[in-house]
Every structure is written in structure tokens, then in C-alpha cells.
Amino acid sequence: MRSGVAVPVVLQVLQSLVVIVFAPLYVGVITKAEAVVTSRRGPSVLQPYFDLAKLLRKGSTISDQASWVYRGAPFVVFACYITVSAIVPIITSVPLPLAFLADLIGGAFVLTLASFSTTLAAMDTASPYGGLGASRASWIGSLVEPALILVFFTVGVLSASDNPYLMNHAVRASPYALVLPAHLLGTLAFFMIVLVENGRMPIESPGVSTEISMIEEGRVLEYSGRHYALMRWGSWMKFFLMSSIFMNVFLLPWGLGGSAESLAGGLLAIPVLLGKLAICAFVVIVIDTSFAKLRFFRIAEFVGAAFLIALIGVVSSYIVSV
């Protein structure tokens, strides 16, 4: 293989590996910091890795009501998140070999496929908790999707595209774009969606498995062993991916590798990415430790606010252009 072809392929693999390897650390740091803020000792930042190692060594207990849907869902979910990691800018601002597979809307469809597979698996076991979590997650998802599409429109106005790499280039080339009303409103709406999709406050209580607050946890409650490890790992990857998109496309598009032929640029972008995610984690920690969980049916108001903010952003973009 020629070096001109080898470097982009290595960067493509490296980008996915960054998501796979650092996603548990991202969650571990947030969990530890939240514990410290609330005057608790908390687990080690490496606890997610310890949990994965323990679960991967164990076998899985499977309900006699479960079918191939239940058994296959963890692998589909994990594969979906790896696919998204290949099409969004994580460590480079230059499209890599697999970036042509989908734009942001296509990536949203892949994330939806992962959620749909999890929902089917939750109902496949005939567990009441699985059905409870599946119905709640589906209801919230039906509210989030319209807001997410509008968010992509607000950012797409700047780049005339919904390709995440072109969006990154458009914002990076014109820092003035960061203060445009459309971009500011789209960024705020997307961050609200990140909170909703990853079960953070004020939507869900992270790490709590009581029935009254179960949404995402309810959908995977019947899993154990290796299957549960893949589902937990996948959820952490989703949080890492959405936070990376928020920082690299919406908020701080600088610091990524500028060439698909430079391995050093991609490697140097990794600590920069972790620094950006530290900023995002700080905001998440402040929200998680400062706000109470909303009552379930008030979640629609929160998601509706994200939709309205994104809608105002779209309208303001046309007003400014006129």
C-alpha cells in the first residue's frame, strides 16, 4: 500500500480507536467530578474500564422469552456508534476515506438505528421494565428528532451543507460566524439535545436505577455479562461522539489535524480534543449538580424549548441574509 493511501487509512482507524478507548474515561471523569462536587469520595476515573473488564469476563443470562433480536442488538448498537465515529470530525478537519458514507443527517439516522435496536431488544424479553424504558425513550426520541433536524439547518446555513467537515471549515474560516444568532441558537439547542439523548440532568438522573427515573437504564436492565458491557460501552461512545460534534463543529472548530496525509497532526489533535471535552464535561457537571430532575411529562417542555430555539435560529438566519 502506498504511503499516500496508508496515512488516511491509519487516521481513519485511529479516529475510531480514540472514541472506543477514551469514551469510558470521559464518563469516568464526569462521574468522579460530580461526586467530589457533592462531597462524596466517588469511584475512580478508571472505574468504567474496571466495569467493562469484569463484565466481559462474565457470561450472559438470557431470558427464555428472548429471540435473536435481543442477542444481536448489542452488536448492532456498538457497530452503529463505530460507524458514526468514521464520518464526523474527531481528530481531523479533512474528510477521511469513510467520510463520504453519510452527512450529519445520515449520522443521525445511524444513531436512531442504534436506539431502535435497543428498544426492540428491551421489548423482546417481555420484561415490564424493558417495555417501560422503551416506551419512554421512544416518546422522547419522537420529540428530539424534529429539533435535531432544525439544528442541522441552522448550522448548515453557514456552510450551505449538512456535511460536518464542511460545517467545521465554514465556522473555522469565519470566527464571526460564532456570534451569529443562527449559530448561537443552534449551538444552544444542540447542547440541550446532547443532555436529552444521553440521560443527563434535567432529563434523567445519571447512574440511578430506580423505576421512577429509568429511561435509558430501563431499556438495558435485562442485559448482563458481555452483552451488557457492549450496551454500556456503546452508550458512553454515544455521549463522547455527541460531545465531540458539539465542540468540533459547533463551538470550537479549531485544533484538529489539517491534513489527511499527516499522522502527526492527528496524534497532536488527540490531547486538544480531550481538552475541549474537559470544557464540555465541566458544563455538564455544573448542570448535573445544580438542577433537579424534571417531572417526566415536563420533559416535553424542555425538548420543545430546544425545538423553538432552533426554529428561531433558522428564521433569524433568513432575516440576517435579507
Protein backbone atom coordinates (compact mmCIF):
# COMPACT_ATOMS: atom_id res chain seq x y z
CA MET A 1 0.00 0.00 0.00
CA ARG A 2 1.39 3.40 -0.93
CA SER A 3 2.13 5.83 1.89
CA GLY A 4 -0.29 8.38 0.41
CA VAL A 5 -3.09 5.87 0.88
CA ALA A 6 -1.82 4.34 4.11
CA VAL A 7 -1.83 7.52 6.21
CA PRO A 8 -5.54 8.39 5.68
CA VAL A 9 -6.49 4.78 6.46
CA VAL A 10 -4.41 4.85 9.66
CA LEU A 11 -6.05 8.13 10.65
CA GLN A 12 -9.47 6.62 9.96
CA VAL A 13 -8.73 3.70 12.27
CA LEU A 14 -7.12 5.98 14.85
CA GLN A 15 -10.18 8.24 14.93
CA SER A 16 -12.49 5.32 15.76
CA LEU A 17 -10.00 3.99 18.32
CA VAL A 18 -9.99 7.37 20.06
CA VAL A 19 -13.75 7.11 20.52
CA ILE A 20 -13.63 3.48 21.66
CA VAL A 21 -10.74 3.96 24.10
CA PHE A 22 -11.49 7.37 25.62
CA ALA A 23 -15.30 7.20 25.89
CA PRO A 24 -15.19 5.30 29.23
CA LEU A 25 -12.60 7.76 30.58
CA TYR A 26 -14.83 10.70 29.64
CA VAL A 27 -17.72 9.27 31.63
CA GLY A 28 -15.42 8.25 34.48
CA VAL A 29 -14.05 11.79 34.85
CA ILE A 30 -17.56 13.27 34.89
CA THR A 31 -18.77 10.75 37.48
CA LYS A 32 -15.75 11.34 39.73
CA ALA A 33 -16.01 15.12 39.46
CA GLU A 34 -19.73 15.10 40.26
CA ALA A 35 -19.03 13.00 43.34
CA VAL A 36 -16.34 15.44 44.53
CA VAL A 37 -18.60 18.43 43.97
CA THR A 38 -21.34 16.80 46.07
CA SER A 39 -18.88 16.00 48.91
CA ARG A 40 -18.58 12.30 48.15
CA ARG A 41 -15.48 10.24 47.51
CA GLY A 42 -16.84 8.67 44.36
CA PRO A 43 -15.37 5.95 42.14
CA SER A 44 -12.04 6.12 40.35
CA VAL A 45 -11.97 7.81 36.95
CA LEU A 46 -10.89 4.39 35.64
CA GLN A 47 -13.92 2.62 37.13
CA PRO A 48 -15.70 2.30 33.73
CA TYR A 49 -12.70 0.32 32.44
CA PHE A 50 -12.81 -1.93 35.50
CA ASP A 51 -16.54 -2.47 34.98
CA LEU A 52 -16.02 -3.37 31.33
CA ALA A 53 -13.22 -5.80 32.17
CA LYS A 54 -15.42 -7.50 34.78
CA LEU A 55 -18.47 -7.72 32.55
CA LEU A 56 -16.53 -9.01 29.54
CA ARG A 57 -15.25 -11.92 31.66
CA LYS A 58 -18.77 -12.93 32.65
CA GLY A 59 -21.35 -14.91 30.75
CA SER A 60 -24.79 -13.54 29.93
CA THR A 61 -28.08 -14.59 31.49
CA ILE A 62 -30.73 -14.56 28.77
CA SER A 63 -34.48 -14.69 29.25
CA ASP A 64 -36.28 -17.71 27.79
CA GLN A 65 -38.55 -15.19 26.04
CA ALA A 66 -35.65 -13.56 24.19
CA SER A 67 -35.01 -14.12 20.50
CA TRP A 68 -32.17 -13.32 18.12
CA VAL A 69 -33.20 -9.66 18.30
CA TYR A 70 -32.12 -9.49 21.94
CA ARG A 71 -28.86 -11.33 21.28
CA GLY A 72 -27.92 -9.30 18.23
CA ALA A 73 -28.87 -5.81 19.44
CA PRO A 74 -25.63 -5.12 21.42
CA PHE A 75 -23.50 -5.83 18.35
CA VAL A 76 -25.71 -3.66 16.11
CA VAL A 77 -25.61 -0.81 18.63
CA PHE A 78 -21.84 -0.99 19.01
CA ALA A 79 -21.37 -1.12 15.23
CA CYS A 80 -23.62 1.93 14.76
CA TYR A 81 -21.52 4.07 17.06
CA ILE A 82 -18.30 2.95 15.38
CA THR A 83 -19.87 3.92 12.04
CA VAL A 84 -20.69 7.41 13.30
CA SER A 85 -17.12 7.79 14.57
CA ALA A 86 -15.92 7.29 10.98
CA ILE A 87 -18.00 10.07 9.42
CA VAL A 88 -17.64 13.02 11.82
CA PRO A 89 -14.56 15.17 12.55
CA ILE A 90 -12.98 13.85 15.73
CA ILE A 91 -9.24 14.41 15.24
CA THR A 92 -9.02 15.79 11.69
CA SER A 93 -10.80 18.57 9.82
CA VAL A 94 -10.12 16.88 6.47
CA PRO A 95 -12.57 14.19 5.28
CA LEU A 96 -11.14 10.70 5.77
CA PRO A 97 -11.76 7.74 3.41
CA LEU A 98 -15.11 6.76 5.01
CA ALA A 99 -16.42 10.30 5.49
CA PHE A 100 -18.46 10.01 2.28
CA LEU A 101 -20.74 7.41 3.88
CA ALA A 102 -23.13 9.98 5.36
CA ASP A 103 -23.62 13.59 6.43
CA LEU A 104 -24.92 14.72 9.82
CA ILE A 105 -28.48 13.77 8.96
CA GLY A 106 -27.27 10.34 7.85
CA GLY A 107 -25.31 10.06 11.08
CA ALA A 108 -28.48 10.92 12.99
CA PHE A 109 -30.24 8.07 11.19
CA VAL A 110 -27.47 5.68 12.27
CA LEU A 111 -27.86 6.84 15.88
CA THR A 112 -31.59 6.31 15.52
CA LEU A 113 -30.95 2.77 14.27
CA ALA A 114 -28.94 2.10 17.43
CA SER A 115 -31.77 3.44 19.58
CA PHE A 116 -34.35 1.44 17.61
CA SER A 117 -32.35 -1.76 18.08
CA THR A 118 -32.11 -1.10 21.82
CA THR A 119 -35.86 -0.51 22.00
CA LEU A 120 -36.66 -3.74 20.15
CA ALA A 121 -34.33 -5.68 22.45
CA ALA A 122 -35.96 -4.14 25.53
CA MET A 123 -39.41 -5.31 24.41
CA ASP A 124 -38.15 -8.68 23.19
CA THR A 125 -37.67 -10.07 26.71
CA ALA A 126 -41.29 -9.34 27.75
CA SER A 127 -39.93 -7.53 30.81
CA PRO A 128 -42.15 -4.76 32.20
CA TYR A 129 -39.11 -2.61 32.93
CA GLY A 130 -37.83 -3.04 29.39
CA GLY A 131 -41.20 -2.02 27.98
CA LEU A 132 -41.33 0.96 30.34
CA GLY A 133 -37.90 2.21 29.30
CA ALA A 134 -38.61 1.54 25.61
CA SER A 135 -41.88 3.49 25.60
CA ARG A 136 -40.35 6.42 27.45
CA ALA A 137 -37.27 6.55 25.19
CA SER A 138 -39.41 6.30 22.04
CA TRP A 139 -41.65 9.15 23.18
CA ILE A 140 -38.66 11.37 23.94
CA GLY A 141 -36.98 10.40 20.67
CA SER A 142 -40.04 11.42 18.66
CA LEU A 143 -39.76 14.88 20.21
CA VAL A 144 -36.00 15.21 19.77
CA GLU A 145 -35.76 14.34 16.06
CA PRO A 146 -37.58 17.46 14.71
CA ALA A 147 -35.44 19.70 16.91
CA LEU A 148 -32.26 17.94 15.76
CA ILE A 149 -33.12 18.43 12.08
CA LEU A 150 -33.70 22.15 12.66
CA VAL A 151 -30.36 22.39 14.46
CA PHE A 152 -28.60 20.99 11.41
CA PHE A 153 -30.39 23.56 9.25
CA THR A 154 -29.18 26.45 11.43
CA VAL A 155 -25.54 25.39 11.14
CA GLY A 156 -25.97 24.33 7.52
CA VAL A 157 -26.94 27.91 6.61
CA LEU A 158 -23.31 28.95 7.14
CA SER A 159 -21.77 26.19 5.04
CA ALA A 160 -24.64 25.53 2.60
CA SER A 161 -24.21 21.88 3.51
CA ASP A 162 -25.01 19.38 6.25
CA ASN A 163 -21.62 17.70 5.92
CA PRO A 164 -19.89 18.03 9.32
CA TYR A 165 -16.47 18.64 7.76
CA LEU A 166 -17.77 21.50 5.62
CA MET A 167 -19.56 22.93 8.64
CA ASN A 168 -16.30 22.80 10.58
CA HIS A 169 -14.47 24.58 7.74
CA ALA A 170 -17.14 27.29 7.43
CA VAL A 171 -17.14 28.16 11.13
CA ARG A 172 -13.36 27.96 11.42
CA ALA A 173 -12.80 30.17 8.37
CA SER A 174 -15.01 32.92 9.76
CA PRO A 175 -14.87 33.34 13.56
CA TYR A 176 -17.57 35.99 13.14
CA ALA A 177 -19.93 33.10 12.39
CA LEU A 178 -19.69 32.03 16.04
CA VAL A 179 -21.63 35.11 17.16
CA LEU A 180 -24.32 34.98 14.51
CA PRO A 181 -27.76 34.49 16.11
CA ALA A 182 -28.45 31.40 13.99
CA HIS A 183 -25.25 29.71 15.09
CA LEU A 184 -25.58 30.66 18.75
CA LEU A 185 -29.17 29.43 18.92
CA GLY A 186 -28.33 26.25 17.01
CA THR A 187 -25.42 25.56 19.37
CA LEU A 188 -27.61 26.01 22.45
CA ALA A 189 -30.35 23.78 21.02
CA PHE A 190 -27.85 21.06 20.12
CA PHE A 191 -26.37 21.09 23.63
CA MET A 192 -29.87 20.64 25.06
CA ILE A 193 -30.32 17.66 22.76
CA VAL A 194 -26.99 16.22 23.95
CA LEU A 195 -28.35 16.31 27.50
CA VAL A 196 -31.62 14.67 26.47
CA GLU A 197 -30.07 11.92 24.33
CA ASN A 198 -27.55 10.91 26.98
CA GLY A 199 -29.79 10.90 30.02
CA ARG A 200 -28.22 13.85 31.82
CA MET A 201 -29.92 16.36 34.09
CA PRO A 202 -32.56 17.73 33.99
CA ILE A 203 -33.95 14.82 31.95
CA GLU A 204 -32.66 11.80 33.85
CA SER A 205 -30.64 11.09 36.96
CA PRO A 206 -27.28 9.67 35.81
CA GLY A 207 -26.36 6.38 37.46
CA VAL A 208 -29.74 5.94 39.18
CA SER A 209 -31.70 2.74 38.50
CA THR A 210 -34.92 3.42 40.38
CA GLU A 211 -38.12 2.79 38.47
CA ILE A 212 -39.42 6.35 38.67
CA SER A 213 -36.36 7.75 36.88
CA MET A 214 -35.44 4.92 34.49
CA ILE A 215 -35.38 5.75 30.81
CA GLU A 216 -32.17 4.59 29.17
CA GLU A 217 -31.29 2.25 32.03
CA GLY A 218 -34.69 0.58 31.77
CA ARG A 219 -34.03 -0.47 28.18
CA VAL A 220 -30.88 -2.41 29.09
CA LEU A 221 -31.92 -3.67 32.53
CA GLU A 222 -32.30 -7.27 31.35
CA TYR A 223 -28.78 -7.44 29.92
CA SER A 224 -25.83 -8.93 31.77
CA GLY A 225 -22.27 -10.02 31.15
CA ARG A 226 -20.71 -9.36 27.73
CA HIS A 227 -23.95 -8.11 26.19
CA TYR A 228 -24.38 -5.54 28.95
CA ALA A 229 -20.74 -4.47 28.53
CA LEU A 230 -21.35 -3.69 24.85
CA MET A 231 -24.53 -1.75 25.63
CA ARG A 232 -22.84 0.34 28.36
CA TRP A 233 -19.77 0.89 26.21
CA GLY A 234 -21.97 1.95 23.31
CA SER A 235 -23.86 4.48 25.44
CA TRP A 236 -20.56 6.01 26.57
CA MET A 237 -19.39 6.19 22.95
CA LYS A 238 -22.61 7.98 22.02
CA PHE A 239 -22.02 10.59 24.75
CA PHE A 240 -18.40 11.01 23.62
CA LEU A 241 -19.42 11.35 19.96
CA MET A 242 -22.16 13.90 20.54
CA SER A 243 -19.91 15.94 22.83
CA SER A 244 -17.15 15.84 20.20
CA ILE A 245 -19.55 17.03 17.48
CA PHE A 246 -20.72 19.81 19.78
CA MET A 247 -17.17 21.01 20.41
CA ASN A 248 -15.59 20.37 16.97
CA VAL A 249 -18.44 21.53 14.74
CA PHE A 250 -20.46 23.99 16.78
CA LEU A 251 -18.32 25.60 19.46
CA LEU A 252 -14.53 25.23 18.98
CA PRO A 253 -13.75 24.02 15.46
CA TRP A 254 -10.01 24.69 15.80
CA GLY A 255 -7.21 22.34 16.86
CA LEU A 256 -7.95 19.43 14.54
CA GLY A 257 -5.42 17.88 12.19
CA GLY A 258 -5.36 19.87 8.96
CA SER A 259 -4.18 17.17 6.56
CA ALA A 260 -5.22 13.61 5.80
CA GLU A 261 -1.57 12.90 4.97
CA SER A 262 -0.19 13.95 8.37
CA LEU A 263 -0.29 11.30 11.08
CA ALA A 264 1.47 13.66 13.49
CA GLY A 265 -1.33 16.21 13.09
CA GLY A 266 -3.93 13.60 14.01
CA LEU A 267 -1.93 12.48 17.05
CA LEU A 268 -1.46 16.06 18.26
CA ALA A 269 -5.21 16.64 17.88
CA ILE A 270 -5.99 13.95 20.48
CA PRO A 271 -4.89 15.95 23.56
CA VAL A 272 -6.58 19.03 22.06
CA LEU A 273 -9.81 17.04 21.74
CA LEU A 274 -9.54 15.86 25.35
CA GLY A 275 -9.06 19.47 26.44
CA LYS A 276 -12.20 20.52 24.58
CA LEU A 277 -14.14 17.66 26.12
CA ALA A 278 -12.92 18.74 29.56
CA ILE A 279 -14.67 22.08 28.93
CA CYS A 280 -17.84 20.28 27.84
CA ALA A 281 -17.61 17.97 30.86
CA PHE A 282 -17.34 20.98 33.18
CA VAL A 283 -20.60 22.42 31.83
CA VAL A 284 -22.31 19.01 32.14
CA ILE A 285 -21.07 18.66 35.73
CA VAL A 286 -22.41 22.11 36.66
CA ILE A 287 -25.81 21.23 35.21
CA ASP A 288 -25.91 17.76 36.79
CA THR A 289 -25.10 19.12 40.24
CA SER A 290 -27.19 22.31 40.07
CA PHE A 291 -30.53 21.22 38.63
CA ALA A 292 -33.21 18.83 39.81
CA LYS A 293 -34.71 16.22 37.50
CA LEU A 294 -37.81 17.37 35.67
CA ARG A 295 -41.09 15.56 36.15
CA PHE A 296 -41.46 13.10 33.29
CA PHE A 297 -44.17 14.90 31.32
CA ARG A 298 -42.32 18.21 31.63
CA ILE A 299 -39.53 16.75 29.50
CA ALA A 300 -41.70 17.70 26.51
CA GLU A 301 -41.36 21.35 27.55
CA PHE A 302 -37.57 21.06 27.67
CA VAL A 303 -37.36 19.41 24.25
CA GLY A 304 -39.96 21.83 22.91
CA ALA A 305 -37.75 24.69 24.07
CA ALA A 306 -34.85 23.19 22.10
CA PHE A 307 -37.09 22.95 19.03
CA LEU A 308 -38.26 26.56 19.42
CA ILE A 309 -34.69 27.84 19.88
CA ALA A 310 -33.57 26.02 16.73
CA LEU A 311 -36.60 27.34 14.83
CA ILE A 312 -35.82 30.91 15.85
CA GLY A 313 -32.25 30.28 14.69
CA VAL A 314 -33.45 29.20 11.24
CA VAL A 315 -35.74 32.22 10.94
CA SER A 316 -33.04 34.63 12.13
CA SER A 317 -30.62 33.28 9.52
CA TYR A 318 -33.02 34.27 6.74
CA ILE A 319 -33.68 37.67 8.32
CA VAL A 320 -29.94 38.41 8.52
CA SER A 321 -29.42 37.28 4.90
CA VAL A 322 -32.18 39.64 3.74
